[in-house]
Amino acid sequence: MEYPALVAFYFLPHHPIVFPQGLAYLPLILCYFLGAIPFGVIVGKVTRGIDIRDFGSGNIGFSNVLRTLGFGPGLAVFVLDTGKGLVAIELCRWLGMSDIMVVTGGILSIMGHSFSVFLRFQGGRAVATSLGVMTGLTPIIAGIAFVLWLALVGLTRYISIASIVAAVSVPTMMFLWKAQKAPLAYQSIAVIAATLIVVKHRPNIVRLLNGTETKIGQKVDIDQQGGSEDNE
């Protein structure tokens, strides 16, 4: 979804919709399937005819696409993965669902990315998708976390460190920054997302400790097959 269309969708009036009995949870199911769309795999196939999981770290997300295919495809994956988290939140909100249901839709989009039905319930770390969800829920905190992420990438050259710290910063800000008045439901999804991101980064943490973690700017030779087994 292009940004003008997304902006227009955001400002549409939010109308409660009464679904027929048995279909009340259909929007939540849609949120999962939206999150499960593996844009990294799709972009790899469309741009170079490769399965991105066979290269670099095996990750389907922005960082591996950036290292393997370059800035353009990497940026496309980042925008699309972020967008699906934001759209999931705005869809539930536009349908007039309660805060709990909106947050549930966000959680399901994150889980869809990390455990995609289209990839035999494998997936990525959901950093970008979580950013999209948090942007829909608490845009100021999400914006600060993103700026922190950018700063840490610039300082350390490690996307993994930036992602872990930025993820943990979101629930921390929600707990401590009382002026933002983040509801308990928002705090809960922030903790869930941060925990998932940290757990998914375990292989990176091991490589950081061993001094073998890849820095931003290091390229993957696309002519050499063999992504790693850890599927970051």
C-alpha atoms as a PDB file:
ATOM      1  CA  MET A   1       0.000   0.000   0.000  1.00  0.00           C
ATOM      2  CA  GLU A   2       1.499   3.311  -1.044  1.00  0.00           C
ATOM      3  CA  TYR A   3       1.780   6.105   1.488  1.00  0.00           C
ATOM      4  CA  PRO A   4      -0.940   8.411   0.001  1.00  0.00           C
ATOM      5  CA  ALA A   5      -3.411   5.542   0.133  1.00  0.00           C
ATOM      6  CA  LEU A   6      -2.321   4.668   3.671  1.00  0.00           C
ATOM      7  CA  VAL A   7      -2.716   8.274   4.816  1.00  0.00           C
ATOM      8  CA  ALA A   8      -6.174   8.449   3.245  1.00  0.00           C
ATOM      9  CA  PHE A   9      -7.119   5.175   4.949  1.00  0.00           C
ATOM     10  CA  TYR A  10      -5.904   6.529   8.305  1.00  0.00           C
ATOM     11  CA  PHE A  11      -8.209   9.553   8.122  1.00  0.00           C
ATOM     12  CA  LEU A  12     -11.296   7.626   7.096  1.00  0.00           C
ATOM     13  CA  PRO A  13     -13.993   7.727   9.794  1.00  0.00           C
ATOM     14  CA  HIS A  14     -13.836   4.740  12.127  1.00  0.00           C
ATOM     15  CA  HIS A  15     -17.143   2.906  11.967  1.00  0.00           C
ATOM     16  CA  PRO A  16     -18.033   0.024  14.293  1.00  0.00           C
ATOM     17  CA  ILE A  17     -19.005  -2.934  12.144  1.00  0.00           C
ATOM     18  CA  VAL A  18     -21.139  -5.741  13.490  1.00  0.00           C
ATOM     19  CA  PHE A  19     -20.006  -9.021  11.989  1.00  0.00           C
ATOM     20  CA  PRO A  20     -22.360 -12.008  11.673  1.00  0.00           C
ATOM     21  CA  GLN A  21     -22.081 -14.540  14.443  1.00  0.00           C
ATOM     22  CA  GLY A  22     -19.062 -16.724  13.861  1.00  0.00           C
ATOM     23  CA  LEU A  23     -17.201 -14.043  11.896  1.00  0.00           C
ATOM     24  CA  ALA A  24     -16.459 -11.646  14.759  1.00  0.00           C
ATOM     25  CA  TYR A  25     -12.807 -12.670  14.800  1.00  0.00           C
ATOM     26  CA  LEU A  26     -12.320 -12.541  11.033  1.00  0.00           C
ATOM     27  CA  PRO A  27     -10.385  -9.225  11.170  1.00  0.00           C
ATOM     28  CA  LEU A  28      -7.938 -10.760  13.643  1.00  0.00           C
ATOM     29  CA  ILE A  29      -7.376 -13.708  11.331  1.00  0.00           C
ATOM     30  CA  LEU A  30      -6.745 -11.237   8.520  1.00  0.00           C
ATOM     31  CA  CYS A  31      -4.175  -9.475  10.718  1.00  0.00           C
ATOM     32  CA  TYR A  32      -2.257 -12.725  11.106  1.00  0.00           C
ATOM     33  CA  PHE A  33      -2.281 -13.446   7.379  1.00  0.00           C
ATOM     34  CA  LEU A  34      -1.269  -9.864   6.620  1.00  0.00           C
ATOM     35  CA  GLY A  35       1.693 -10.195   8.971  1.00  0.00           C
ATOM     36  CA  ALA A  36       2.545 -13.577   7.480  1.00  0.00           C
ATOM     37  CA  ILE A  37       3.174 -12.159   3.987  1.00  0.00           C
ATOM     38  CA  PRO A  38       6.946 -12.749   3.517  1.00  0.00           C
ATOM     39  CA  PHE A  39       7.851  -9.576   1.671  1.00  0.00           C
ATOM     40  CA  GLY A  40      11.566 -10.342   1.951  1.00  0.00           C
ATOM     41  CA  VAL A  41      11.075 -13.589   0.038  1.00  0.00           C
ATOM     42  CA  ILE A  42       8.806 -11.900  -2.499  1.00  0.00           C
ATOM     43  CA  VAL A  43      11.221  -9.028  -3.135  1.00  0.00           C
ATOM     44  CA  GLY A  44      14.107 -11.486  -3.545  1.00  0.00           C
ATOM     45  CA  LYS A  45      12.144 -13.484  -6.096  1.00  0.00           C
ATOM     46  CA  VAL A  46      10.947 -10.415  -8.014  1.00  0.00           C
ATOM     47  CA  THR A  47      14.244  -8.491  -8.107  1.00  0.00           C
ATOM     48  CA  ARG A  48      16.829 -11.258  -8.558  1.00  0.00           C
ATOM     49  CA  GLY A  49      14.920 -14.513  -8.829  1.00  0.00           C
ATOM     50  CA  ILE A  50      16.430 -15.860  -5.592  1.00  0.00           C
ATOM     51  CA  ASP A  51      15.146 -17.165  -2.293  1.00  0.00           C
ATOM     52  CA  ILE A  52      16.628 -14.739   0.233  1.00  0.00           C
ATOM     53  CA  ARG A  53      16.645 -17.529   2.819  1.00  0.00           C
ATOM     54  CA  ASP A  54      19.474 -19.202   0.877  1.00  0.00           C
ATOM     55  CA  PHE A  55      21.814 -16.239   1.290  1.00  0.00           C
ATOM     56  CA  GLY A  56      23.623 -14.439   4.072  1.00  0.00           C
ATOM     57  CA  SER A  57      22.037 -15.104   7.437  1.00  0.00           C
ATOM     58  CA  GLY A  58      18.917 -16.665   5.932  1.00  0.00           C
ATOM     59  CA  ASN A  59      16.842 -13.823   7.384  1.00  0.00           C
ATOM     60  CA  ILE A  60      13.749 -12.694   5.447  1.00  0.00           C
ATOM     61  CA  GLY A  61      13.928  -9.171   6.842  1.00  0.00           C
ATOM     62  CA  PHE A  62      15.402  -5.809   5.962  1.00  0.00           C
ATOM     63  CA  SER A  63      18.975  -6.377   7.166  1.00  0.00           C
ATOM     64  CA  ASN A  64      19.683  -9.521   5.156  1.00  0.00           C
ATOM     65  CA  VAL A  65      17.931  -8.151   2.075  1.00  0.00           C
ATOM     66  CA  LEU A  66      20.040  -4.986   2.399  1.00  0.00           C
ATOM     67  CA  ARG A  67      23.285  -6.968   2.597  1.00  0.00           C
ATOM     68  CA  THR A  68      22.312  -9.335  -0.197  1.00  0.00           C
ATOM     69  CA  LEU A  69      20.321  -7.253  -2.686  1.00  0.00           C
ATOM     70  CA  GLY A  70      21.229  -3.669  -1.872  1.00  0.00           C
ATOM     71  CA  PHE A  71      19.606  -0.529  -0.515  1.00  0.00           C
ATOM     72  CA  GLY A  72      16.566  -0.339  -2.806  1.00  0.00           C
ATOM     73  CA  PRO A  73      15.199  -3.840  -2.166  1.00  0.00           C
ATOM     74  CA  GLY A  74      16.156  -3.556   1.519  1.00  0.00           C
ATOM     75  CA  LEU A  75      14.238  -0.296   1.884  1.00  0.00           C
ATOM     76  CA  ALA A  76      11.243  -1.805   0.082  1.00  0.00           C
ATOM     77  CA  VAL A  77      11.159  -4.714   2.530  1.00  0.00           C
ATOM     78  CA  PHE A  78      11.522  -2.355   5.504  1.00  0.00           C
ATOM     79  CA  VAL A  79       8.607  -0.183   4.328  1.00  0.00           C
ATOM     80  CA  LEU A  80       6.386  -3.151   3.487  1.00  0.00           C
ATOM     81  CA  ASP A  81       7.105  -5.016   6.727  1.00  0.00           C
ATOM     82  CA  THR A  82       6.525  -1.851   8.760  1.00  0.00           C
ATOM     83  CA  GLY A  83       3.394  -1.098   6.775  1.00  0.00           C
ATOM     84  CA  LYS A  84       1.753  -4.437   7.466  1.00  0.00           C
ATOM     85  CA  GLY A  85       2.015  -3.882  11.219  1.00  0.00           C
ATOM     86  CA  LEU A  86       0.581  -0.377  10.922  1.00  0.00           C
ATOM     87  CA  VAL A  87      -2.223  -1.488   8.605  1.00  0.00           C
ATOM     88  CA  ALA A  88      -3.210  -4.273  11.003  1.00  0.00           C
ATOM     89  CA  ILE A  89      -3.660  -1.738  13.815  1.00  0.00           C
ATOM     90  CA  GLU A  90      -5.515   0.789  11.673  1.00  0.00           C
ATOM     91  CA  LEU A  91      -7.780  -1.871  10.173  1.00  0.00           C
ATOM     92  CA  CYS A  92      -8.921  -3.039  13.612  1.00  0.00           C
ATOM     93  CA  ARG A  93      -9.300   0.549  14.785  1.00  0.00           C
ATOM     94  CA  TRP A  94     -11.239   1.550  11.659  1.00  0.00           C
ATOM     95  CA  LEU A  95     -13.617  -1.343  12.268  1.00  0.00           C
ATOM     96  CA  GLY A  96     -14.366   0.102  15.703  1.00  0.00           C
ATOM     97  CA  MET A  97     -12.839  -2.765  17.647  1.00  0.00           C
ATOM     98  CA  SER A  98     -11.963  -2.369  21.320  1.00  0.00           C
ATOM     99  CA  ASP A  99      -8.427  -1.523  22.467  1.00  0.00           C
ATOM    100  CA  ILE A 100      -7.872  -5.131  23.502  1.00  0.00           C
ATOM    101  CA  MET A 101      -8.934  -6.368  20.076  1.00  0.00           C
ATOM    102  CA  VAL A 102      -6.802  -3.740  18.324  1.00  0.00           C
ATOM    103  CA  VAL A 103      -3.776  -4.836  20.348  1.00  0.00           C
ATOM    104  CA  THR A 104      -4.592  -8.480  19.627  1.00  0.00           C
ATOM    105  CA  GLY A 105      -4.609  -7.677  15.919  1.00  0.00           C
ATOM    106  CA  GLY A 106      -1.174  -6.120  16.330  1.00  0.00           C
ATOM    107  CA  ILE A 107       0.167  -9.149  18.193  1.00  0.00           C
ATOM    108  CA  LEU A 108      -1.173 -11.472  15.513  1.00  0.00           C
ATOM    109  CA  SER A 109       0.480  -9.469  12.732  1.00  0.00           C
ATOM    110  CA  ILE A 110       3.809  -9.707  14.595  1.00  0.00           C
ATOM    111  CA  MET A 111       3.347 -13.436  15.156  1.00  0.00           C
ATOM    112  CA  GLY A 112       2.406 -13.826  11.509  1.00  0.00           C
ATOM    113  CA  HIS A 113       5.729 -12.362  10.465  1.00  0.00           C
ATOM    114  CA  SER A 114       7.758 -14.492  12.880  1.00  0.00           C
ATOM    115  CA  PHE A 115       5.748 -17.680  12.346  1.00  0.00           C
ATOM    116  CA  SER A 116       4.434 -17.378   8.807  1.00  0.00           C
ATOM    117  CA  VAL A 117       2.008 -19.978   7.552  1.00  0.00           C
ATOM    118  CA  PHE A 118       3.477 -19.348   4.094  1.00  0.00           C
ATOM    119  CA  LEU A 119       6.952 -20.374   5.296  1.00  0.00           C
ATOM    120  CA  ARG A 120       5.980 -23.481   7.291  1.00  0.00           C
ATOM    121  CA  PHE A 121       5.701 -21.322  10.419  1.00  0.00           C
ATOM    122  CA  GLN A 122       9.231 -19.992  10.081  1.00  0.00           C
ATOM    123  CA  GLY A 123       9.885 -16.285   9.741  1.00  0.00           C
ATOM    124  CA  GLY A 124      11.843 -13.237  10.743  1.00  0.00           C
ATOM    125  CA  ARG A 125      12.437 -11.237  13.891  1.00  0.00           C
ATOM    126  CA  ALA A 126       9.528  -8.832  13.317  1.00  0.00           C
ATOM    127  CA  VAL A 127      11.512  -5.702  14.143  1.00  0.00           C
ATOM    128  CA  ALA A 128       9.981  -3.663  11.309  1.00  0.00           C
ATOM    129  CA  THR A 129       6.510  -5.144  11.795  1.00  0.00           C
ATOM    130  CA  SER A 130       6.672  -4.327  15.504  1.00  0.00           C
ATOM    131  CA  LEU A 131       7.689  -0.771  14.605  1.00  0.00           C
ATOM    132  CA  GLY A 132       4.592  -0.506  12.435  1.00  0.00           C
ATOM    133  CA  VAL A 133       2.372  -1.803  15.229  1.00  0.00           C
ATOM    134  CA  MET A 134       3.880   0.602  17.764  1.00  0.00           C
ATOM    135  CA  THR A 135       3.557   3.483  15.314  1.00  0.00           C
ATOM    136  CA  GLY A 136      -0.164   2.795  15.161  1.00  0.00           C
ATOM    137  CA  LEU A 137      -0.468   2.593  18.947  1.00  0.00           C
ATOM    138  CA  THR A 138       2.042   5.124  20.308  1.00  0.00           C
ATOM    139  CA  PRO A 139       3.595   7.105  17.444  1.00  0.00           C
ATOM    140  CA  ILE A 140       5.744   9.360  19.656  1.00  0.00           C
ATOM    141  CA  ILE A 141       7.383   6.463  21.489  1.00  0.00           C
ATOM    142  CA  ALA A 142       7.759   4.535  18.229  1.00  0.00           C
ATOM    143  CA  GLY A 143       9.389   7.563  16.618  1.00  0.00           C
ATOM    144  CA  ILE A 144      11.874   7.940  19.466  1.00  0.00           C
ATOM    145  CA  ALA A 145      12.689   4.217  19.319  1.00  0.00           C
ATOM    146  CA  PHE A 146      13.297   4.493  15.577  1.00  0.00           C
ATOM    147  CA  VAL A 147      15.620   7.481  16.023  1.00  0.00           C
ATOM    148  CA  LEU A 148      17.460   5.496  18.715  1.00  0.00           C
ATOM    149  CA  TRP A 149      17.743   2.590  16.288  1.00  0.00           C
ATOM    150  CA  LEU A 150      19.189   4.842  13.595  1.00  0.00           C
ATOM    151  CA  ALA A 151      21.673   6.375  16.044  1.00  0.00           C
ATOM    152  CA  LEU A 152      22.878   2.986  17.269  1.00  0.00           C
ATOM    153  CA  VAL A 153      23.236   1.641  13.734  1.00  0.00           C
ATOM    154  CA  GLY A 154      25.352   4.682  12.923  1.00  0.00           C
ATOM    155  CA  LEU A 155      27.476   4.362  16.056  1.00  0.00           C
ATOM    156  CA  THR A 156      27.971   0.602  16.255  1.00  0.00           C
ATOM    157  CA  ARG A 157      27.349  -0.508  12.645  1.00  0.00           C
ATOM    158  CA  TYR A 158      25.451  -3.469  14.093  1.00  0.00           C
ATOM    159  CA  ILE A 159      21.758  -3.644  13.164  1.00  0.00           C
ATOM    160  CA  SER A 160      21.250  -6.418  15.730  1.00  0.00           C
ATOM    161  CA  ILE A 161      22.412  -4.273  18.672  1.00  0.00           C
ATOM    162  CA  ALA A 162      20.276  -1.366  17.483  1.00  0.00           C
ATOM    163  CA  SER A 163      17.218  -3.595  17.099  1.00  0.00           C
ATOM    164  CA  ILE A 164      17.539  -5.187  20.544  1.00  0.00           C
ATOM    165  CA  VAL A 165      18.081  -1.873  22.357  1.00  0.00           C
ATOM    166  CA  ALA A 166      15.321  -0.079  20.452  1.00  0.00           C
ATOM    167  CA  ALA A 167      12.882  -2.931  21.100  1.00  0.00           C
ATOM    168  CA  VAL A 168      13.569  -2.912  24.844  1.00  0.00           C
ATOM    169  CA  SER A 169      13.321   0.886  24.921  1.00  0.00           C
ATOM    170  CA  VAL A 170       9.654   0.836  23.874  1.00  0.00           C
ATOM    171  CA  PRO A 171       8.157  -0.881  26.953  1.00  0.00           C
ATOM    172  CA  THR A 172      10.689   0.974  29.118  1.00  0.00           C
ATOM    173  CA  MET A 173       9.411   4.323  27.849  1.00  0.00           C
ATOM    174  CA  MET A 174       5.813   3.202  28.274  1.00  0.00           C
ATOM    175  CA  PHE A 175       6.441   2.247  31.908  1.00  0.00           C
ATOM    176  CA  LEU A 176       8.455   5.333  32.847  1.00  0.00           C
ATOM    177  CA  TRP A 177       7.031   8.098  30.648  1.00  0.00           C
ATOM    178  CA  LYS A 178       3.749   8.619  32.456  1.00  0.00           C
ATOM    179  CA  ALA A 179       2.788  11.617  30.307  1.00  0.00           C
ATOM    180  CA  GLN A 180       2.257   9.254  27.357  1.00  0.00           C
ATOM    181  CA  LYS A 181      -0.416   7.396  29.354  1.00  0.00           C
ATOM    182  CA  ALA A 182       0.142   4.093  27.573  1.00  0.00           C
ATOM    183  CA  PRO A 183      -2.673   1.697  28.538  1.00  0.00           C
ATOM    184  CA  LEU A 184      -1.848  -1.667  30.062  1.00  0.00           C
ATOM    185  CA  ALA A 185      -2.777  -3.364  26.792  1.00  0.00           C
ATOM    186  CA  TYR A 186      -0.186  -1.261  24.937  1.00  0.00           C
ATOM    187  CA  GLN A 187       2.436  -2.002  27.583  1.00  0.00           C
ATOM    188  CA  SER A 188       1.668  -5.703  27.278  1.00  0.00           C
ATOM    189  CA  ILE A 189       2.160  -5.857  23.511  1.00  0.00           C
ATOM    190  CA  ALA A 190       5.370  -3.827  23.858  1.00  0.00           C
ATOM    191  CA  VAL A 191       6.733  -6.392  26.325  1.00  0.00           C
ATOM    192  CA  ILE A 192       5.655  -9.288  24.081  1.00  0.00           C
ATOM    193  CA  ALA A 193       7.229  -7.716  20.986  1.00  0.00           C
ATOM    194  CA  ALA A 194      10.469  -6.831  22.789  1.00  0.00           C
ATOM    195  CA  THR A 195      10.753 -10.329  24.260  1.00  0.00           C
ATOM    196  CA  LEU A 196      10.174 -11.953  20.868  1.00  0.00           C
ATOM    197  CA  ILE A 197      12.742  -9.693  19.219  1.00  0.00           C
ATOM    198  CA  VAL A 198      15.387 -10.443  21.865  1.00  0.00           C
ATOM    199  CA  VAL A 199      14.723 -14.197  21.711  1.00  0.00           C
ATOM    200  CA  LYS A 200      14.850 -14.157  17.905  1.00  0.00           C
ATOM    201  CA  HIS A 201      18.206 -12.386  18.104  1.00  0.00           C
ATOM    202  CA  ARG A 202      19.883 -15.166  20.110  1.00  0.00           C
ATOM    203  CA  PRO A 203      22.073 -16.238  17.151  1.00  0.00           C
ATOM    204  CA  ASN A 204      23.171 -12.619  16.714  1.00  0.00           C
ATOM    205  CA  ILE A 205      24.016 -12.317  20.391  1.00  0.00           C
ATOM    206  CA  VAL A 206      26.216 -15.417  20.117  1.00  0.00           C
ATOM    207  CA  ARG A 207      27.952 -13.963  17.056  1.00  0.00           C
ATOM    208  CA  LEU A 208      28.428 -10.622  18.832  1.00  0.00           C
ATOM    209  CA  LEU A 209      30.100 -12.398  21.753  1.00  0.00           C
ATOM    210  CA  ASN A 210      32.283 -14.356  19.328  1.00  0.00           C
ATOM    211  CA  GLY A 211      33.160 -11.263  17.308  1.00  0.00           C
ATOM    212  CA  THR A 212      31.689 -12.701  14.105  1.00  0.00           C
ATOM    213  CA  GLU A 213      28.527 -10.615  13.751  1.00  0.00           C
ATOM    214  CA  THR A 214      28.138  -8.916  10.356  1.00  0.00           C
ATOM    215  CA  LYS A 215      28.250  -5.125  10.308  1.00  0.00           C
ATOM    216  CA  ILE A 216      26.103  -2.938   8.093  1.00  0.00           C
ATOM    217  CA  GLY A 217      27.879  -2.262   4.827  1.00  0.00           C
ATOM    218  CA  GLN A 218      29.295  -5.768   4.529  1.00  0.00           C
ATOM    219  CA  LYS A 219      27.921  -7.364   1.375  1.00  0.00           C
ATOM    220  CA  VAL A 220      26.847 -10.916   0.659  1.00  0.00           C
ATOM    221  CA  ASP A 221      28.209 -12.528  -2.514  1.00  0.00           C
ATOM    222  CA  ILE A 222      25.007 -13.465  -4.288  1.00  0.00           C
ATOM    223  CA  ASP A 223      26.911 -15.899  -6.513  1.00  0.00           C
ATOM    224  CA  GLN A 224      27.730 -18.072  -3.510  1.00  0.00           C
ATOM    225  CA  GLN A 225      24.876 -20.208  -2.221  1.00  0.00           C
ATOM    226  CA  GLY A 226      24.245 -21.262   1.345  1.00  0.00           C
ATOM    227  CA  GLY A 227      22.434 -19.134   3.851  1.00  0.00           C
ATOM    228  CA  SER A 228      22.990 -20.118   7.438  1.00  0.00           C
ATOM    229  CA  GLU A 229      20.706 -22.445   9.301  1.00  0.00           C
ATOM    230  CA  ASP A 230      19.619 -19.998  12.006  1.00  0.00           C
ATOM    231  CA  ASN A 231      17.051 -18.177   9.843  1.00  0.00           C
ATOM    232  CA  GLU A 232      17.388 -14.889  11.684  1.00  0.00           C
END
